[in-house]
Protein backbone atom coordinates (compact mmCIF):
# COMPACT_ATOMS: atom_id res chain seq x y z
CA MET A 1 -17.35 -79.21 -47.58
CA VAL A 2 -18.90 -81.65 -50.07
CA PHE A 3 -22.65 -81.38 -48.39
CA GLY A 4 -21.85 -77.61 -47.97
CA HIS A 5 -22.23 -76.34 -52.25
CA GLY A 6 -24.56 -75.01 -54.77
CA ASP A 7 -25.63 -76.67 -57.07
CA ASP A 8 -27.58 -79.58 -55.45
CA ALA A 9 -30.33 -80.88 -57.39
CA TYR A 10 -29.73 -83.62 -56.76
CA ARG A 11 -31.16 -83.55 -53.27
CA TYR A 12 -34.49 -82.63 -54.35
CA GLY A 13 -35.89 -85.84 -56.22
CA GLY A 14 -36.60 -84.43 -60.39
CA LYS A 15 -38.06 -81.18 -58.16
CA ILE A 16 -35.95 -78.79 -59.85
CA LYS A 17 -37.29 -76.68 -63.18
CA TYR A 18 -34.09 -73.95 -63.23
CA ASN A 19 -30.89 -73.84 -61.57
CA PHE A 20 -29.32 -70.35 -60.62
CA SER A 21 -27.96 -71.96 -57.55
CA SER A 22 -24.84 -72.82 -60.08
CA ASN A 23 -22.51 -69.95 -60.67
CA ILE A 24 -22.40 -71.66 -63.87
CA PRO A 25 -24.32 -71.26 -66.90
CA ALA A 26 -27.45 -73.64 -67.52
CA HIS A 27 -27.68 -72.71 -71.63
CA ALA A 28 -23.91 -73.22 -72.58
CA ASP A 29 -23.80 -74.64 -76.31
CA LEU A 30 -22.60 -78.24 -75.69
CA SER A 31 -23.58 -79.74 -78.57
CA GLY A 32 -19.52 -79.70 -80.25
CA LEU A 33 -18.75 -81.40 -77.31
CA LYS A 34 -21.03 -83.87 -77.13
CA ALA A 35 -20.56 -84.74 -80.24
CA HIS A 36 -17.16 -85.52 -80.24
CA LEU A 37 -17.34 -87.14 -77.04
CA ALA A 38 -19.83 -89.35 -78.33
CA SER A 39 -17.56 -90.67 -81.22
CA ARG A 40 -14.77 -90.99 -78.99
CA LEU A 41 -16.42 -93.51 -76.65
CA ASP A 42 -14.22 -96.22 -76.97
CA VAL A 43 -11.05 -93.77 -74.25
CA ILE A 44 -13.11 -95.30 -71.28
CA SER A 45 -11.62 -98.65 -72.35
CA SER A 46 -8.07 -98.04 -71.60
CA TYR A 47 -6.06 -95.63 -68.89
CA PRO A 48 -5.94 -92.18 -69.62
CA GLU A 49 -2.06 -90.74 -69.50
CA PRO A 50 -1.24 -91.08 -65.58
CA GLU A 51 -1.10 -87.27 -66.44
CA ALA A 52 -2.57 -85.10 -69.01
CA ARG A 53 0.42 -83.99 -70.77
CA HIS A 54 -0.71 -82.87 -74.25
CA LEU A 55 -3.59 -81.15 -72.62
CA GLU A 56 -1.04 -79.16 -71.12
CA GLU A 57 0.81 -78.19 -73.93
CA LEU A 58 -1.81 -77.44 -75.64
CA ILE A 59 -3.20 -75.06 -72.68
CA ALA A 60 1.09 -73.91 -71.95
CA GLN A 61 0.27 -72.80 -75.77
CA GLU A 62 -2.65 -70.94 -75.21
CA GLU A 63 -1.54 -69.26 -72.12
CA GLY A 64 2.05 -68.06 -74.04
CA VAL A 65 4.28 -69.88 -71.24
CA THR A 66 5.82 -73.97 -70.92
CA PRO A 67 4.29 -77.07 -70.50
CA GLN A 68 6.64 -77.25 -67.29
CA GLN A 69 4.68 -74.52 -65.59
CA VAL A 70 0.86 -75.91 -66.25
CA LEU A 71 -0.63 -78.81 -63.82
CA VAL A 72 -3.91 -80.27 -65.26
CA THR A 73 -6.01 -81.26 -62.69
CA ALA A 74 -9.33 -82.53 -61.63
CA GLY A 75 -11.33 -79.81 -61.33
CA ALA A 76 -9.60 -76.97 -58.93
CA THR A 77 -10.70 -78.57 -56.38
CA GLU A 78 -7.57 -80.75 -56.60
CA ALA A 79 -5.44 -78.07 -57.51
CA ILE A 80 -6.51 -76.00 -53.50
CA TYR A 81 -5.81 -79.51 -52.35
CA LEU A 82 -2.00 -80.41 -53.50
CA ILE A 83 -1.76 -76.72 -52.67
CA ALA A 84 -2.55 -77.27 -49.30
CA GLN A 85 -0.41 -80.60 -49.16
CA LEU A 86 2.37 -78.87 -50.79
CA TYR A 87 2.50 -75.56 -47.96
CA SER A 88 0.97 -78.25 -44.75
CA GLY A 89 2.10 -76.97 -41.45
CA TYR A 90 1.61 -72.84 -43.25
CA VAL A 91 -0.43 -70.41 -41.95
CA SER A 92 -2.81 -69.70 -43.97
CA VAL A 93 -4.36 -65.98 -44.24
CA ILE A 94 -8.10 -66.62 -46.04
CA PRO A 95 -10.25 -63.14 -46.48
CA GLN A 96 -13.63 -63.78 -45.82
CA PRO A 97 -16.11 -64.26 -47.38
CA THR A 98 -15.19 -66.71 -50.22
CA PHE A 99 -14.77 -70.11 -50.93
CA ASN A 100 -15.09 -72.22 -48.17
CA GLU A 101 -12.80 -75.34 -49.52
CA TYR A 102 -9.63 -73.07 -48.85
CA ALA A 103 -10.24 -73.67 -45.27
CA ASP A 104 -11.05 -76.96 -45.56
CA ALA A 105 -8.06 -77.68 -47.98
CA ALA A 106 -5.93 -75.74 -45.15
CA ALA A 107 -7.24 -77.54 -42.54
CA ALA A 108 -6.48 -81.00 -43.38
CA HIS A 109 -3.12 -80.46 -44.15
CA ASN A 110 -2.30 -79.34 -40.75
CA HIS A 111 -2.47 -75.18 -41.47
CA ILE A 112 -2.51 -72.60 -38.85
CA ILE A 113 -6.08 -70.77 -40.09
CA THR A 114 -6.23 -66.64 -39.91
CA TYR A 115 -9.30 -65.09 -41.92
CA HIS A 116 -7.74 -61.66 -42.07
CA ASN A 117 -4.21 -60.44 -42.78
CA ASP A 118 -4.36 -57.44 -39.93
CA ASP A 119 -1.94 -58.22 -37.29
CA ILE A 120 -0.73 -61.41 -37.55
CA ASP A 121 2.92 -60.52 -37.06
CA HIS A 122 2.70 -63.30 -34.61
CA LEU A 123 1.87 -66.28 -36.60
CA PRO A 124 4.58 -68.27 -37.72
CA GLU A 125 7.04 -66.45 -41.40
CA ASN A 126 5.24 -68.92 -43.39
CA ARG A 127 2.27 -67.81 -44.68
CA VAL A 128 -0.24 -68.80 -47.78
CA LEU A 129 -2.54 -66.09 -48.77
CA TRP A 130 -6.23 -67.30 -50.33
CA ILE A 131 -7.19 -64.79 -52.90
CA CYS A 132 -10.57 -65.66 -54.91
CA ASN A 133 -10.74 -62.80 -57.86
CA PRO A 134 -13.18 -62.88 -58.90
CA ASN A 135 -14.82 -64.29 -55.16
CA ASN A 136 -17.40 -66.55 -54.22
CA PRO A 137 -20.21 -65.86 -53.63
CA THR A 138 -19.31 -61.92 -53.60
CA GLY A 139 -18.49 -61.47 -57.62
CA TYR A 140 -16.33 -59.14 -56.50
CA VAL A 141 -13.40 -58.69 -58.21
CA MET A 142 -10.00 -57.08 -57.14
CA GLN A 143 -7.72 -54.84 -59.21
CA LYS A 144 -5.22 -55.97 -60.90
CA GLU A 145 -3.04 -53.63 -60.65
CA LEU A 146 -3.16 -53.89 -57.11
CA ILE A 147 -3.45 -57.58 -56.73
CA ASN A 148 -0.04 -57.75 -58.59
CA TYR A 149 2.08 -54.53 -56.98
CA ILE A 150 0.90 -56.92 -53.29
CA ILE A 151 2.40 -60.30 -54.43
CA ARG A 152 5.26 -58.39 -56.06
CA HIS A 153 6.79 -56.34 -52.85
CA GLN A 154 5.63 -59.44 -50.55
CA GLN A 155 7.34 -61.88 -52.29
CA GLN A 156 8.14 -63.97 -48.68
CA TYR A 157 4.68 -65.23 -48.33
CA ILE A 158 3.43 -67.36 -51.10
CA PHE A 159 -0.55 -66.55 -52.68
CA VAL A 160 -2.30 -67.92 -54.75
CA VAL A 161 -4.94 -66.56 -56.96
CA ASP A 162 -8.08 -68.38 -57.72
CA GLN A 163 -9.09 -67.48 -61.50
CA SER A 164 -12.17 -69.99 -61.31
CA TYR A 165 -14.48 -67.54 -62.63
CA GLU A 166 -11.70 -65.79 -65.22
CA ASP A 167 -14.12 -66.27 -68.12
CA TYR A 168 -17.09 -64.08 -66.38
CA THR A 169 -15.81 -61.24 -66.05
CA ASP A 170 -15.17 -58.06 -67.89
CA LYS A 171 -12.40 -56.83 -65.49
CA PRO A 172 -8.78 -57.49 -66.44
CA LEU A 173 -6.76 -60.33 -64.28
CA LEU A 174 -3.91 -61.62 -63.98
CA LYS A 175 -2.10 -63.24 -66.94
CA THR A 176 0.22 -66.18 -66.53
CA ASN A 177 3.03 -65.17 -68.97
CA GLU A 178 2.78 -61.57 -67.81
CA MET A 179 3.60 -63.14 -63.95
CA GLN A 180 6.42 -65.62 -65.07
CA ASP A 181 8.50 -63.37 -62.53
CA CYS A 182 6.65 -64.16 -59.79
CA HIS A 183 7.63 -67.47 -58.37
CA ASN A 184 5.74 -67.15 -54.60
CA LEU A 185 2.52 -66.87 -57.17
CA ILE A 186 -0.07 -69.83 -57.93
CA LEU A 187 -3.11 -69.19 -60.11
CA ILE A 188 -5.62 -71.55 -59.93
CA HIS A 189 -8.11 -72.31 -63.23
CA SER A 190 -11.22 -73.32 -64.07
CA MET A 191 -12.26 -75.67 -67.36
CA THR A 192 -14.96 -76.95 -65.16
CA LYS A 193 -16.32 -73.10 -65.17
CA ARG A 194 -15.01 -71.92 -68.82
CA TYR A 195 -16.07 -74.50 -70.75
CA CYS A 196 -19.15 -74.63 -68.60
CA ILE A 197 -18.67 -78.71 -68.25
CA PRO A 198 -18.70 -79.19 -63.73
CA GLY A 199 -19.50 -82.71 -64.38
CA LEU A 200 -16.53 -83.70 -66.36
CA ARG A 201 -13.91 -81.80 -63.39
CA LEU A 202 -11.60 -80.11 -65.59
CA GLY A 203 -9.07 -77.67 -63.39
CA TYR A 204 -5.36 -76.38 -63.90
CA ILE A 205 -2.39 -74.99 -62.59
CA THR A 206 0.35 -72.50 -63.75
CA ALA A 207 3.13 -71.81 -61.58
CA SER A 208 6.75 -70.91 -61.34
CA PRO A 209 8.75 -74.78 -63.04
CA ILE A 210 9.40 -75.53 -59.42
CA ILE A 211 6.47 -75.31 -57.99
CA ILE A 212 4.84 -77.40 -60.42
CA ASP A 213 7.77 -80.11 -60.37
CA ARG A 214 6.94 -80.19 -56.22
CA LEU A 215 2.71 -80.51 -56.56
CA ARG A 216 3.81 -83.30 -59.31
CA LEU A 217 5.56 -85.99 -56.82
CA LEU A 218 2.51 -85.72 -54.37
CA ARG A 219 -0.86 -86.07 -56.70
CA GLN A 220 -1.88 -89.60 -57.43
CA PRO A 221 -1.52 -90.73 -61.00
CA TRP A 222 -4.84 -91.13 -62.71
CA THR A 223 -6.59 -88.05 -61.10
CA VAL A 224 -7.89 -86.93 -63.95
CA ASN A 225 -10.10 -89.33 -66.71
CA ALA A 226 -9.88 -90.33 -69.83
CA LEU A 227 -13.05 -88.50 -70.76
CA ALA A 228 -12.16 -85.69 -69.41
CA ILE A 229 -9.28 -85.51 -70.69
CA GLU A 230 -10.57 -85.93 -74.32
CA ALA A 231 -13.01 -83.16 -73.79
CA GLY A 232 -10.09 -80.65 -72.86
CA GLU A 233 -8.36 -81.44 -75.91
CA TYR A 234 -10.81 -81.04 -77.13
CA LEU A 235 -11.98 -77.34 -76.49
CA VAL A 236 -8.71 -75.61 -75.95
CA GLY A 237 -7.36 -77.75 -79.01
CA ASN A 238 -10.26 -76.06 -81.09
CA HIS A 239 -10.38 -72.89 -79.85
CA VAL A 240 -14.08 -73.30 -78.74
CA ASP A 241 -16.02 -70.92 -76.99
CA VAL A 242 -19.12 -72.62 -75.59
CA LEU A 243 -20.28 -68.88 -74.29
CA PRO A 244 -20.23 -66.90 -77.61
CA ASP A 245 -22.11 -64.23 -76.05
CA ARG A 246 -20.46 -63.53 -73.51
CA GLU A 247 -20.81 -59.31 -73.51
CA GLY A 248 -24.57 -59.85 -73.97
CA TYR A 249 -24.48 -62.02 -70.85
CA LEU A 250 -22.87 -60.02 -68.19
CA GLU A 251 -25.46 -57.35 -69.67
CA GLU A 252 -28.02 -59.81 -68.73
CA ALA A 253 -26.71 -60.37 -65.06
CA LYS A 254 -26.40 -55.96 -64.25
CA ASN A 255 -30.07 -56.05 -65.41
CA LEU A 256 -31.46 -59.07 -63.38
CA HIS A 257 -28.84 -57.61 -60.15
CA GLU A 258 -30.66 -54.16 -60.61
CA GLN A 259 -34.13 -55.45 -61.10
CA LEU A 260 -33.31 -57.40 -57.03
CA SER A 261 -31.57 -54.13 -55.43
CA GLN A 262 -34.73 -52.52 -56.46
CA MET A 263 -37.16 -54.28 -54.33
CA ASN A 264 -38.22 -53.94 -50.79
CA GLY A 265 -36.77 -56.01 -48.33
CA ILE A 266 -33.72 -57.02 -50.54
CA MET A 267 -29.91 -55.34 -50.42
CA MET A 268 -27.66 -56.81 -53.19
CA MET A 269 -24.11 -56.61 -52.75
CA GLY A 270 -22.30 -55.10 -55.81
CA SER A 271 -21.00 -57.76 -58.75
CA ASP A 272 -18.03 -58.13 -61.53
CA THR A 273 -19.13 -61.68 -62.93
CA ASN A 274 -22.64 -62.64 -63.59
CA PHE A 275 -23.45 -64.64 -60.11
CA MET A 276 -24.43 -61.76 -57.02
CA LEU A 277 -24.81 -62.16 -53.31
CA GLY A 278 -28.14 -61.02 -51.28
CA TYR A 279 -29.29 -60.37 -48.16
CA LEU A 280 -32.84 -60.39 -46.95
CA GLU A 281 -33.89 -57.94 -44.67
CA GLN A 282 -36.88 -60.90 -43.16
CA GLY A 283 -36.42 -63.89 -43.21
CA THR A 284 -34.16 -66.42 -44.18
CA ALA A 285 -32.15 -67.63 -47.20
CA ARG A 286 -33.25 -71.15 -46.63
CA GLU A 287 -37.09 -70.53 -46.51
CA LEU A 288 -36.81 -68.50 -49.43
CA LYS A 289 -35.20 -71.67 -51.56
CA GLN A 290 -37.07 -73.83 -50.15
CA TRP A 291 -40.49 -71.32 -51.13
CA LEU A 292 -38.55 -71.32 -54.51
CA ILE A 293 -38.60 -75.06 -54.99
CA ASN A 294 -41.46 -75.98 -53.99
CA HIS A 295 -43.88 -73.19 -56.21
CA TYR A 296 -41.38 -72.69 -59.25
CA GLY A 297 -38.93 -75.72 -59.00
CA ILE A 298 -36.57 -72.71 -58.80
CA LEU A 299 -33.00 -73.49 -57.19
CA ILE A 300 -30.59 -71.08 -55.60
CA ARG A 301 -27.88 -71.09 -53.28
CA ASP A 302 -28.65 -70.71 -49.48
CA ALA A 303 -24.87 -68.46 -48.79
CA SER A 304 -25.70 -68.68 -44.92
CA ASN A 305 -22.84 -71.59 -44.68
CA PHE A 306 -19.98 -69.34 -45.84
CA HIS A 307 -17.49 -68.01 -43.16
CA GLY A 308 -19.22 -64.96 -42.24
CA LEU A 309 -22.32 -64.66 -43.43
CA ALA A 310 -25.32 -65.17 -42.23
CA ASP A 311 -28.72 -67.07 -41.84
CA PRO A 312 -30.29 -63.82 -44.55
CA CYS A 313 -27.83 -64.31 -47.20
CA PHE A 314 -28.48 -65.89 -50.33
CA ARG A 315 -26.90 -65.79 -54.29
CA VAL A 316 -28.02 -66.45 -57.30
CA SER A 317 -26.11 -66.16 -60.99
CA ALA A 318 -27.85 -64.39 -63.81
CA GLN A 319 -28.99 -67.91 -67.05
CA THR A 320 -31.94 -66.73 -69.75
CA PRO A 321 -33.02 -63.41 -69.54
CA GLU A 322 -36.57 -65.14 -69.56
CA GLN A 323 -35.37 -67.14 -66.34
CA ASN A 324 -34.12 -64.06 -64.99
CA VAL A 325 -37.67 -62.54 -65.74
CA MET A 326 -39.41 -65.61 -64.15
CA LEU A 327 -36.74 -65.55 -60.86
CA VAL A 328 -37.14 -61.93 -60.18
CA GLU A 329 -41.30 -61.97 -60.44
CA ALA A 330 -40.95 -65.71 -58.21
CA ILE A 331 -38.80 -63.70 -55.36
CA ARG A 332 -41.17 -60.51 -55.51
CA GLU A 333 -43.84 -62.98 -55.06
CA PHE A 334 -41.87 -64.58 -51.73
CA MET A 335 -41.31 -61.53 -50.25
CA ASP A 336 -45.22 -59.95 -50.90
CA LYS A 337 -46.78 -63.47 -49.33
């Protein structure tokens, strides 16, 4: 799935001026982090910690758990593959549409994959249920009370809840310190998303100490580089918020959704986040994507390669108010041509 993700501006030779393809807002204030890293570039001349234990301690304090319940990873992607490796040979239940990496990781580790939880009683009992919440690409958030109930009443199964986009919604989500008695739950968190630093690849897992210990045995040393660790310690240790007006940003996302929903020829799915999934009544997302690149330098996500979605499906994320207006007008022009 390496070439199936969004944010593929690198493919277009500098043509991209405005990026609506990534779910990460491009206008985050990273000035403090950049200045800190510039002053700490000497860390690249030495090996980092084989495991980012100091960063794990800082995260544990923030989450209200023990460091034994935290494992820092090279982004949420390493977390997904480690979990799939730990449960090699299990049945993976993956509701659709959702992030394709769950299925890719499960396939790489010999899982039996099913894309729904209906009528699977004939399958083995060893099951991992993958839940992306908030969900990518739809932006839908599953109710906290419902997901909590399911996990607690099906303790024979492993639940992996990927909360990578937890900072891009105002809906209540699971909290690690509230779920410590659920030994069948693994939570994935993305510092990449929280701090808008996709180039640094930084995330973490929270789970029971037993699960964390088993995951540690599987991972290679030094998967998280020195600059990423330095960034994480600075951001968490100083309680940095790179998106201070989160409420205003989510309001802008709602405005963008409303404007696109009112456009003839487009259907928009409801979203609880900064990103949203749309459907063209005529034409394909690939055509729309290429037209926007050629005429405006605007990049959107062709969502047709998500399992269960079709050629007309596209995804966009809100950016600044001015850029959102530009996107709406550009798409309107495409629809009217």
